[in-house]
Amino acid sequence: MARKAVYIASTEEYAGKSIVAVALALTARELGKRVGYFKPIGIESAWDLKEKILDEDVESMMKLLKLEGDPGSTLQ
């Protein structure tokens, strides 16, 4: 079975990309689809004391979609 991906992009900040992603992901899950989430490192990402990149949107999506894993990327 081929994997399918949906990319949500905008040329503007605060255009509603995250809320669209949440709505689509929750709808897909209700339809029995497997859902994941990826967000590239952005300007709004923060660094924690363990030198991991944290993003509020990623943490929120993980909670809303009940995703498991490490939401932060480790710096190399």
N, C-alpha and C. Protein backbone atom coordinates (compact mmCIF):
# COMPACT_ATOMS: atom_id res chain seq x y z
N MET A 1 0.84 -1.18 0.00
CA MET A 1 0.00 0.00 0.00
C MET A 1 0.89 1.24 0.00
N ALA A 2 0.62 2.15 -0.88
CA ALA A 2 1.40 3.38 -0.98
C ALA A 2 1.01 4.35 0.13
N ARG A 3 2.02 5.00 0.65
CA ARG A 3 1.76 6.02 1.67
C ARG A 3 1.38 7.32 0.98
N LYS A 4 0.51 8.06 1.62
CA LYS A 4 0.09 9.33 1.06
C LYS A 4 0.45 10.43 2.05
N ALA A 5 0.77 11.59 1.53
CA ALA A 5 1.15 12.71 2.39
C ALA A 5 0.36 13.95 1.97
N VAL A 6 0.10 14.79 2.95
CA VAL A 6 -0.53 16.08 2.71
C VAL A 6 0.42 17.13 3.24
N TYR A 7 0.73 18.10 2.42
CA TYR A 7 1.60 19.20 2.81
C TYR A 7 0.77 20.46 2.90
N ILE A 8 0.90 21.18 4.00
CA ILE A 8 0.17 22.43 4.20
C ILE A 8 1.20 23.54 4.29
N ALA A 9 1.07 24.53 3.43
CA ALA A 9 2.05 25.61 3.39
C ALA A 9 1.36 26.94 3.16
N SER A 10 2.05 27.99 3.50
CA SER A 10 1.55 29.35 3.26
C SER A 10 2.74 30.28 3.17
N THR A 11 2.55 31.36 2.47
CA THR A 11 3.60 32.39 2.41
C THR A 11 3.47 33.37 3.56
N GLU A 12 2.43 33.21 4.36
CA GLU A 12 2.16 34.13 5.48
C GLU A 12 2.28 33.40 6.81
N GLU A 13 2.73 34.12 7.82
CA GLU A 13 2.69 33.61 9.18
C GLU A 13 1.27 33.71 9.70
N TYR A 14 0.93 32.86 10.66
CA TYR A 14 -0.38 32.91 11.31
C TYR A 14 -1.54 32.85 10.32
N ALA A 15 -1.37 32.06 9.28
CA ALA A 15 -2.41 31.92 8.26
C ALA A 15 -3.41 30.81 8.59
N GLY A 16 -3.14 30.04 9.64
CA GLY A 16 -4.05 28.97 10.02
C GLY A 16 -3.60 27.58 9.62
N LYS A 17 -2.31 27.43 9.31
CA LYS A 17 -1.79 26.13 8.87
C LYS A 17 -1.97 25.05 9.94
N SER A 18 -1.70 25.39 11.17
CA SER A 18 -1.78 24.39 12.25
C SER A 18 -3.21 23.93 12.48
N ILE A 19 -4.16 24.84 12.46
CA ILE A 19 -5.55 24.44 12.70
C ILE A 19 -6.08 23.59 11.54
N VAL A 20 -5.64 23.89 10.33
CA VAL A 20 -6.01 23.06 9.18
C VAL A 20 -5.40 21.67 9.34
N ALA A 21 -4.16 21.61 9.77
CA ALA A 21 -3.49 20.32 9.98
C ALA A 21 -4.21 19.50 11.05
N VAL A 22 -4.61 20.14 12.14
CA VAL A 22 -5.34 19.44 13.21
C VAL A 22 -6.65 18.89 12.68
N ALA A 23 -7.40 19.73 11.98
CA ALA A 23 -8.70 19.30 11.46
C ALA A 23 -8.56 18.13 10.49
N LEU A 24 -7.62 18.20 9.58
CA LEU A 24 -7.42 17.12 8.62
C LEU A 24 -6.96 15.84 9.31
N ALA A 25 -6.04 15.97 10.25
CA ALA A 25 -5.51 14.79 10.94
C ALA A 25 -6.59 14.11 11.77
N LEU A 26 -7.38 14.88 12.50
CA LEU A 26 -8.44 14.29 13.31
C LEU A 26 -9.50 13.62 12.44
N THR A 27 -9.83 14.24 11.32
CA THR A 27 -10.78 13.65 10.39
C THR A 27 -10.24 12.34 9.81
N ALA A 28 -8.97 12.34 9.43
CA ALA A 28 -8.36 11.12 8.89
C ALA A 28 -8.38 10.00 9.92
N ARG A 29 -8.09 10.33 11.17
CA ARG A 29 -8.11 9.30 12.22
C ARG A 29 -9.50 8.74 12.42
N GLU A 30 -10.51 9.63 12.36
CA GLU A 30 -11.89 9.15 12.50
C GLU A 30 -12.26 8.20 11.37
N LEU A 31 -11.63 8.37 10.23
CA LEU A 31 -11.88 7.49 9.07
C LEU A 31 -11.00 6.24 9.11
N GLY A 32 -10.25 6.06 10.20
CA GLY A 32 -9.44 4.86 10.36
C GLY A 32 -8.05 4.93 9.73
N LYS A 33 -7.62 6.10 9.35
CA LYS A 33 -6.29 6.26 8.73
C LYS A 33 -5.22 6.43 9.81
N ARG A 34 -4.01 6.00 9.48
CA ARG A 34 -2.87 6.25 10.36
C ARG A 34 -2.38 7.67 10.09
N VAL A 35 -2.08 8.38 11.15
CA VAL A 35 -1.72 9.79 11.03
C VAL A 35 -0.39 10.06 11.73
N GLY A 36 0.44 10.86 11.11
CA GLY A 36 1.68 11.33 11.70
C GLY A 36 1.79 12.82 11.48
N TYR A 37 2.81 13.43 12.05
CA TYR A 37 2.97 14.88 11.92
C TYR A 37 4.45 15.21 11.85
N PHE A 38 4.81 16.10 10.96
CA PHE A 38 6.18 16.57 10.82
C PHE A 38 6.15 18.07 10.60
N LYS A 39 7.02 18.77 11.30
CA LYS A 39 7.16 20.20 11.09
C LYS A 39 8.65 20.52 11.06
N PRO A 40 9.10 21.16 9.99
CA PRO A 40 10.51 21.55 9.93
C PRO A 40 10.85 22.54 11.05
N ILE A 41 12.11 22.64 11.37
CA ILE A 41 12.55 23.59 12.39
C ILE A 41 12.26 25.00 11.89
N GLY A 42 11.56 25.76 12.71
CA GLY A 42 11.21 27.12 12.32
C GLY A 42 11.82 28.16 13.23
N ILE A 43 11.58 29.39 12.92
CA ILE A 43 12.11 30.51 13.70
C ILE A 43 11.57 30.50 15.12
N GLU A 44 10.32 30.08 15.28
CA GLU A 44 9.67 30.09 16.59
C GLU A 44 10.08 28.92 17.47
N SER A 45 10.88 28.00 16.98
CA SER A 45 11.32 26.87 17.79
C SER A 45 12.22 27.38 18.92
N ALA A 46 12.18 26.68 20.04
CA ALA A 46 12.97 27.07 21.20
C ALA A 46 13.96 25.96 21.55
N TRP A 47 14.98 26.31 22.31
CA TRP A 47 15.99 25.35 22.74
C TRP A 47 15.78 25.08 24.22
N ASP A 48 15.79 23.81 24.62
CA ASP A 48 15.70 23.53 26.05
C ASP A 48 17.10 23.32 26.62
N LEU A 49 17.16 23.04 27.91
CA LEU A 49 18.45 22.92 28.58
C LEU A 49 19.26 21.71 28.11
N LYS A 50 18.62 20.72 27.53
CA LYS A 50 19.33 19.54 27.02
C LYS A 50 19.69 19.72 25.55
N GLU A 51 19.64 20.95 25.07
CA GLU A 51 19.96 21.30 23.69
C GLU A 51 19.09 20.55 22.69
N LYS A 52 17.80 20.51 22.98
CA LYS A 52 16.84 19.94 22.05
C LYS A 52 16.00 21.08 21.49
N ILE A 53 15.56 20.89 20.27
CA ILE A 53 14.70 21.88 19.63
C ILE A 53 13.25 21.52 19.97
N LEU A 54 12.54 22.47 20.54
CA LEU A 54 11.16 22.25 20.93
C LEU A 54 10.26 23.19 20.15
N ASP A 55 9.10 22.74 19.81
CA ASP A 55 8.15 23.57 19.08
C ASP A 55 6.77 23.35 19.68
N GLU A 56 6.11 24.43 20.05
CA GLU A 56 4.80 24.36 20.69
C GLU A 56 3.78 23.66 19.79
N ASP A 57 3.81 23.92 18.49
CA ASP A 57 2.86 23.28 17.57
C ASP A 57 3.05 21.77 17.55
N VAL A 58 4.29 21.33 17.55
CA VAL A 58 4.58 19.89 17.52
C VAL A 58 4.07 19.23 18.79
N GLU A 59 4.34 19.83 19.93
CA GLU A 59 3.88 19.26 21.20
C GLU A 59 2.35 19.22 21.25
N SER A 60 1.69 20.27 20.77
CA SER A 60 0.23 20.30 20.75
C SER A 60 -0.34 19.21 19.84
N MET A 61 0.24 19.08 18.65
CA MET A 61 -0.23 18.05 17.71
C MET A 61 -0.06 16.65 18.30
N MET A 62 1.06 16.42 18.96
CA MET A 62 1.29 15.11 19.55
C MET A 62 0.24 14.79 20.60
N LYS A 63 -0.13 15.78 21.41
CA LYS A 63 -1.16 15.56 22.43
C LYS A 63 -2.52 15.35 21.79
N LEU A 64 -2.89 16.21 20.85
CA LEU A 64 -4.21 16.11 20.21
C LEU A 64 -4.40 14.80 19.45
N LEU A 65 -3.34 14.35 18.79
CA LEU A 65 -3.42 13.14 17.98
C LEU A 65 -2.98 11.88 18.72
N LYS A 66 -2.58 12.06 19.98
CA LYS A 66 -2.12 10.95 20.81
C LYS A 66 -0.97 10.21 20.14
N LEU A 67 0.00 10.98 19.63
CA LEU A 67 1.17 10.41 18.98
C LEU A 67 2.24 10.14 20.02
N GLU A 68 3.03 9.12 19.82
CA GLU A 68 4.12 8.79 20.72
C GLU A 68 5.45 9.16 20.09
N GLY A 69 6.45 9.33 20.92
CA GLY A 69 7.79 9.63 20.42
C GLY A 69 8.34 10.89 21.06
N ASP A 70 9.52 11.26 20.63
CA ASP A 70 10.21 12.42 21.14
C ASP A 70 9.89 13.63 20.26
N PRO A 71 9.24 14.66 20.82
CA PRO A 71 8.87 15.82 20.00
C PRO A 71 10.03 16.74 19.67
N GLY A 72 11.18 16.54 20.29
CA GLY A 72 12.33 17.43 20.05
C GLY A 72 13.40 16.77 19.24
N SER A 73 14.06 17.53 18.42
CA SER A 73 15.21 17.04 17.66
C SER A 73 16.47 17.36 18.43
N THR A 74 17.37 16.42 18.51
CA THR A 74 18.62 16.64 19.21
C THR A 74 19.62 17.32 18.30
N LEU A 75 20.30 18.31 18.83
CA LEU A 75 21.32 19.00 18.06
C LEU A 75 22.54 18.12 17.88
N GLN A 76 23.18 18.21 16.75
CA GLN A 76 24.40 17.44 16.49
C GLN A 76 25.59 18.36 16.53
